[in-house]
Amino acid sequence: MSFPSVVVRHGLVSEGERAIPEEVPIAFSYSGSTHAVMMATPDDLEDFAVGFSLSEGIVQSAVEITSVEAVEAGDGIDLQIALQDENAEALTARRRQMAGPVGCGMCGIESIEQAMRVVPHLDETHLQLSLQDIASAVCELQNHQALNRKTRAVHGAGFYLPGQGVVAVREDVGRHNALDKLVGAIALGGWQASEGAVVVTSRLSVEMVQKAAIAGSAILIAISAPTALAVRTARDAGMTLVAIARDQDCEVFSRPDRLNLKGISDVA
């Protein structure tokens, strides 16, 4: 959607028009009961439903979801998700109502234990990346962000496979939503998250690390910096955390052994 605007640039004022991304409440409903409500961009909704269900531990595999139906509900969308073998008692215990702003990935969490969830250990992957791989992943992600080129207002998350490049990109006004959509796209696309790296345009908060680890990706790349808790969580999970990635410059906060740094001198 486009809106008229008054543009002030280089000391000159002119009339303009700006493409603006949509943001609507999206409910995740299981067996007729709303589990969560997130403010999000209403695109790639099946990916969002699958990725959210995986990231939140509601299902362990995409095959446990038998159908996803997007139903208009007033000003928002109700994602009605049917499960193959639903554990109603577990869902009831974990159910939360959360009308979350886009910057909040844990709105509605009822306890510290839920926020500090244990993530799988990622030692088994044999994935290796070069600095050129990292630079290419960041560049390709940005080049594939069609919505962000129009709006300059959305985050992106991409899946990078060595030798193939970025094979999937998802965008959303919320960074957590973009990553959930990507997790769903990876699962539905038949890829193994352990075979590639996740690259995001946002800062690395702890829930971004948690979601990538639960998906199974051992390398997480971001153009911005991590939080201290994100670094500690990545180290505990055995994840390679690459941040502030610009061209072939970056900072690696955990498991640098997965990166080919040959030819680079150590700085004392």
Protein backbone atom coordinates (compact mmCIF):
# COMPACT_ATOMS: atom_id res chain seq x y z
CA MET A 1 0.00 0.00 0.00
CA SER A 2 1.26 3.48 -0.83
CA PHE A 3 0.73 6.72 1.07
CA PRO A 4 1.42 10.31 0.01
CA SER A 5 4.18 12.07 1.92
CA VAL A 6 6.04 15.34 2.17
CA VAL A 7 9.70 14.66 1.40
CA VAL A 8 12.43 16.81 2.93
CA ARG A 9 15.81 16.00 1.40
CA HIS A 10 18.98 18.00 0.91
CA GLY A 11 17.20 21.15 2.04
CA LEU A 12 14.40 20.78 -0.51
CA VAL A 13 10.71 20.01 0.14
CA SER A 14 8.63 18.05 -2.37
CA GLU A 15 5.56 15.87 -2.58
CA GLY A 16 6.16 12.16 -2.71
CA GLU A 17 4.68 8.72 -2.24
CA ARG A 18 5.97 5.88 -0.10
CA ALA A 19 5.13 2.16 -0.17
CA ILE A 20 4.29 1.08 3.38
CA PRO A 21 4.17 -2.53 4.63
CA GLU A 22 0.95 -3.87 6.12
CA GLU A 23 0.80 -4.84 9.79
CA VAL A 24 -2.17 -6.80 11.10
CA PRO A 25 -2.98 -8.99 14.11
CA ILE A 26 -2.50 -12.65 13.22
CA ALA A 27 -3.90 -15.29 15.55
CA PHE A 28 -2.54 -18.82 15.83
CA SER A 29 -5.46 -21.11 16.66
CA TYR A 30 -5.26 -24.81 17.51
CA SER A 31 -8.50 -26.80 17.84
CA GLY A 32 -10.52 -23.60 17.90
CA SER A 33 -8.56 -21.98 20.73
CA THR A 34 -6.28 -19.01 20.19
CA HIS A 35 -2.77 -19.76 21.40
CA ALA A 36 -1.08 -16.50 20.44
CA VAL A 37 -1.66 -13.26 18.56
CA MET A 38 1.24 -11.51 16.84
CA MET A 39 1.37 -8.26 14.92
CA ALA A 40 2.86 -9.23 11.57
CA THR A 41 2.99 -8.75 7.81
CA PRO A 42 0.20 -10.86 6.22
CA ASP A 43 2.41 -12.71 3.71
CA ASP A 44 3.71 -16.31 3.59
CA LEU A 45 1.13 -17.34 6.17
CA GLU A 46 1.57 -21.11 5.82
CA ASP A 47 5.31 -20.70 6.40
CA PHE A 48 4.50 -18.52 9.42
CA ALA A 49 2.11 -21.10 10.89
CA VAL A 50 4.55 -23.98 10.43
CA GLY A 51 7.60 -22.03 11.59
CA PHE A 52 5.86 -20.63 14.67
CA SER A 53 4.58 -24.11 15.61
CA LEU A 54 8.09 -25.54 15.28
CA SER A 55 9.85 -22.67 17.04
CA GLU A 56 7.40 -22.75 19.95
CA GLY A 57 7.73 -26.52 20.38
CA ILE A 58 4.06 -27.15 19.62
CA VAL A 59 5.15 -29.69 17.01
CA GLN A 60 8.45 -31.41 16.42
CA SER A 61 8.01 -31.84 12.66
CA ALA A 62 6.02 -30.13 9.92
CA VAL A 63 4.28 -33.44 9.13
CA GLU A 64 2.40 -33.15 12.44
CA ILE A 65 0.48 -30.23 10.91
CA THR A 66 -2.32 -31.55 8.70
CA SER A 67 -3.70 -28.24 7.46
CA VAL A 68 -3.40 -24.48 7.74
CA GLU A 69 -6.32 -22.21 6.86
CA ALA A 70 -6.11 -18.42 6.90
CA VAL A 71 -9.49 -16.95 7.81
CA GLU A 72 -10.27 -13.24 7.82
CA ALA A 73 -11.26 -12.14 11.31
CA GLY A 74 -12.28 -8.49 11.51
CA ASP A 75 -9.16 -6.43 10.97
CA GLY A 76 -6.89 -9.44 11.31
CA ILE A 77 -6.32 -13.03 10.21
CA ASP A 78 -6.97 -16.22 12.13
CA LEU A 79 -4.54 -19.01 11.22
CA GLN A 80 -6.47 -22.17 11.99
CA ILE A 81 -3.90 -24.92 12.39
CA ALA A 82 -4.91 -28.59 12.56
CA LEU A 83 -2.50 -31.04 14.14
CA GLN A 84 -2.06 -34.72 13.36
CA ASP A 85 -1.75 -35.80 16.98
CA GLU A 86 -2.50 -32.84 19.18
CA ASN A 87 -1.49 -32.91 22.81
CA ALA A 88 -4.34 -30.82 24.21
CA GLU A 89 -3.11 -30.97 27.78
CA ALA A 90 0.35 -29.68 26.85
CA LEU A 91 -1.12 -26.88 24.76
CA THR A 92 -3.42 -25.85 27.57
CA ALA A 93 -0.50 -25.74 30.00
CA ARG A 94 1.51 -23.58 27.62
CA ARG A 95 -1.34 -21.49 26.22
CA ARG A 96 -0.80 -17.80 26.39
CA GLN A 97 -2.61 -14.78 25.05
CA MET A 98 -0.12 -12.33 23.63
CA ALA A 99 -0.92 -9.24 21.62
CA GLY A 100 2.72 -8.47 21.00
CA PRO A 101 4.36 -5.42 19.50
CA VAL A 102 6.61 -6.40 16.61
CA GLY A 103 9.79 -5.84 18.62
CA CYS A 104 8.79 -8.29 21.32
CA GLY A 105 9.39 -11.97 20.79
CA MET A 106 8.35 -13.25 24.20
CA CYS A 107 5.22 -11.31 25.10
CA GLY A 108 2.97 -13.45 27.26
CA ILE A 109 5.67 -15.76 28.60
CA GLU A 110 4.45 -16.71 32.06
CA SER A 111 7.69 -17.68 33.75
CA ILE A 112 11.44 -17.18 33.67
CA GLU A 113 11.81 -20.89 32.97
CA GLN A 114 9.77 -20.55 29.78
CA ALA A 115 11.89 -17.64 28.59
CA MET A 116 15.13 -19.48 29.34
CA ARG A 117 14.19 -22.61 27.44
CA VAL A 118 16.80 -25.26 26.75
CA VAL A 119 17.90 -25.42 23.12
CA PRO A 120 19.38 -28.46 21.34
CA HIS A 121 23.13 -28.87 21.06
CA LEU A 122 24.46 -28.44 17.54
CA ASP A 123 27.82 -30.23 17.63
CA GLU A 124 26.96 -32.84 15.01
CA THR A 125 26.93 -30.55 11.97
CA HIS A 126 30.00 -30.55 9.72
CA LEU A 127 29.10 -27.33 7.93
CA GLN A 128 32.03 -25.07 7.06
CA LEU A 129 31.79 -21.53 5.66
CA SER A 130 34.33 -19.11 4.28
CA LEU A 131 34.34 -15.35 4.77
CA GLN A 132 33.17 -15.09 1.17
CA ASP A 133 30.20 -17.31 2.04
CA ILE A 134 29.27 -14.92 4.87
CA ALA A 135 29.61 -11.86 2.66
CA SER A 136 27.57 -13.52 -0.09
CA ALA A 137 24.83 -14.58 2.32
CA VAL A 138 24.39 -11.04 3.64
CA CYS A 139 24.50 -9.49 0.17
CA GLU A 140 22.09 -11.99 -1.37
CA LEU A 141 19.64 -11.63 1.50
CA GLN A 142 19.49 -7.88 1.04
CA ASN A 143 19.20 -8.23 -2.75
CA HIS A 144 16.25 -10.63 -2.37
CA GLN A 145 14.29 -8.39 -0.01
CA ALA A 146 11.70 -7.16 -2.49
CA LEU A 147 9.35 -5.78 0.15
CA ASN A 148 12.12 -3.94 1.96
CA ARG A 149 13.28 -2.31 -1.29
CA LYS A 150 9.80 -0.86 -1.63
CA THR A 151 9.22 0.10 2.00
CA ARG A 152 12.55 0.26 3.87
CA ALA A 153 10.55 -0.93 6.87
CA VAL A 154 10.82 -4.72 7.19
CA HIS A 155 13.30 -7.28 8.46
CA GLY A 156 14.55 -10.22 6.46
CA ALA A 157 15.68 -13.77 7.24
CA GLY A 158 17.37 -16.01 4.70
CA PHE A 159 18.67 -19.58 4.40
CA TYR A 160 22.11 -19.90 2.80
CA LEU A 161 23.40 -23.17 1.34
CA PRO A 162 27.08 -23.33 0.32
CA GLY A 163 27.35 -23.71 -3.42
CA GLN A 164 23.74 -22.66 -3.97
CA GLY A 165 23.48 -19.31 -2.23
CA VAL A 166 20.41 -17.95 -0.46
CA VAL A 167 17.62 -20.38 -1.37
CA ALA A 168 14.81 -18.88 0.72
CA VAL A 169 14.02 -15.41 2.07
CA ARG A 170 11.11 -14.28 4.22
CA GLU A 171 10.26 -10.73 5.32
CA ASP A 172 8.14 -9.20 8.05
CA VAL A 173 7.81 -6.06 10.13
CA GLY A 174 8.86 -8.22 13.09
CA ARG A 175 12.30 -9.80 13.11
CA HIS A 176 11.05 -12.83 15.06
CA ASN A 177 8.18 -13.23 12.61
CA ALA A 178 10.55 -13.15 9.64
CA LEU A 179 12.63 -15.91 11.25
CA ASP A 180 9.55 -18.00 12.08
CA LYS A 181 8.43 -17.71 8.45
CA LEU A 182 11.89 -18.82 7.30
CA VAL A 183 11.84 -21.82 9.66
CA GLY A 184 8.53 -22.82 8.09
CA ALA A 185 9.87 -22.31 4.57
CA ILE A 186 12.90 -24.51 5.33
CA ALA A 187 10.67 -27.29 6.68
CA LEU A 188 8.15 -27.11 3.85
CA GLY A 189 10.89 -26.79 1.23
CA GLY A 190 12.44 -30.09 2.27
CA TRP A 191 15.80 -28.59 3.27
CA GLN A 192 17.75 -29.59 6.35
CA ALA A 193 18.55 -26.53 8.46
CA SER A 194 21.79 -28.20 9.59
CA GLU A 195 23.11 -28.05 6.01
CA GLY A 196 23.06 -24.26 5.81
CA ALA A 197 23.26 -20.99 7.70
CA VAL A 198 20.53 -18.62 8.79
CA VAL A 199 21.23 -14.96 8.02
CA VAL A 200 19.15 -12.08 9.39
CA THR A 201 19.05 -8.31 9.01
CA SER A 202 18.36 -7.62 12.68
CA ARG A 203 20.22 -7.62 15.96
CA LEU A 204 20.70 -10.98 17.64
CA SER A 205 18.54 -11.26 20.74
CA VAL A 206 18.34 -14.52 22.66
CA GLU A 207 15.08 -15.64 21.05
CA MET A 208 16.63 -15.36 17.59
CA VAL A 209 19.35 -17.77 18.74
CA GLN A 210 16.75 -20.06 20.30
CA LYS A 211 14.63 -20.20 17.14
CA ALA A 212 17.62 -20.89 14.87
CA ALA A 213 18.90 -23.60 17.22
CA ILE A 214 15.51 -25.29 17.47
CA ALA A 215 15.34 -25.29 13.68
CA GLY A 216 18.73 -27.03 13.64
CA SER A 217 20.97 -24.39 12.07
CA ALA A 218 24.44 -24.33 13.61
CA ILE A 219 25.52 -21.02 12.03
CA LEU A 220 23.61 -17.78 12.58
CA ILE A 221 24.74 -14.62 10.79
CA ALA A 222 23.51 -11.07 11.42
CA ILE A 223 24.39 -7.60 10.20
CA SER A 224 23.96 -6.20 13.71
CA ALA A 225 25.31 -7.02 17.18
CA PRO A 226 24.18 -9.68 19.67
CA THR A 227 23.08 -9.36 23.26
CA ALA A 228 25.18 -10.91 26.01
CA LEU A 229 22.51 -13.53 26.67
CA ALA A 230 22.40 -14.40 22.97
CA VAL A 231 26.16 -15.03 23.02
CA ARG A 232 25.96 -17.21 26.14
CA THR A 233 23.04 -19.18 24.69
CA ALA A 234 24.86 -19.70 21.39
CA ARG A 235 27.95 -20.93 23.21
CA ASP A 236 25.91 -23.34 25.32
CA ALA A 237 24.24 -24.66 22.16
CA GLY A 238 27.49 -25.04 20.23
CA MET A 239 26.27 -22.54 17.64
CA THR A 240 28.57 -20.39 15.52
CA LEU A 241 27.40 -16.82 16.08
CA VAL A 242 28.55 -14.33 13.43
CA ALA A 243 27.57 -10.69 13.94
CA ILE A 244 28.23 -7.24 12.51
CA ALA A 245 28.76 -8.89 9.12
CA ARG A 246 29.58 -6.27 6.49
CA ASP A 247 31.34 -7.29 3.27
CA GLN A 248 34.04 -9.70 4.48
CA ASP A 249 34.30 -8.11 7.92
CA CYS A 250 32.52 -9.69 10.86
CA GLU A 251 32.85 -10.63 14.51
CA VAL A 252 32.54 -14.25 15.61
CA PHE A 253 31.39 -14.78 19.20
CA SER A 254 31.25 -18.57 19.38
CA ARG A 255 32.52 -21.67 17.56
CA PRO A 256 34.85 -19.95 15.02
CA ASP A 257 36.12 -23.41 14.02
CA ARG A 258 33.26 -23.69 11.51
CA LEU A 259 34.71 -20.76 9.55
CA ASN A 260 37.68 -20.98 7.22
CA LEU A 261 39.90 -18.18 8.54
CA LYS A 262 43.11 -19.39 6.91
CA GLY A 263 45.36 -16.63 5.70
CA ILE A 264 44.13 -14.16 8.30
CA SER A 265 46.70 -13.09 10.86
CA ASP A 266 45.87 -13.27 14.54
CA VAL A 267 45.89 -9.96 16.36
CA ALA A 268 47.65 -10.11 19.69
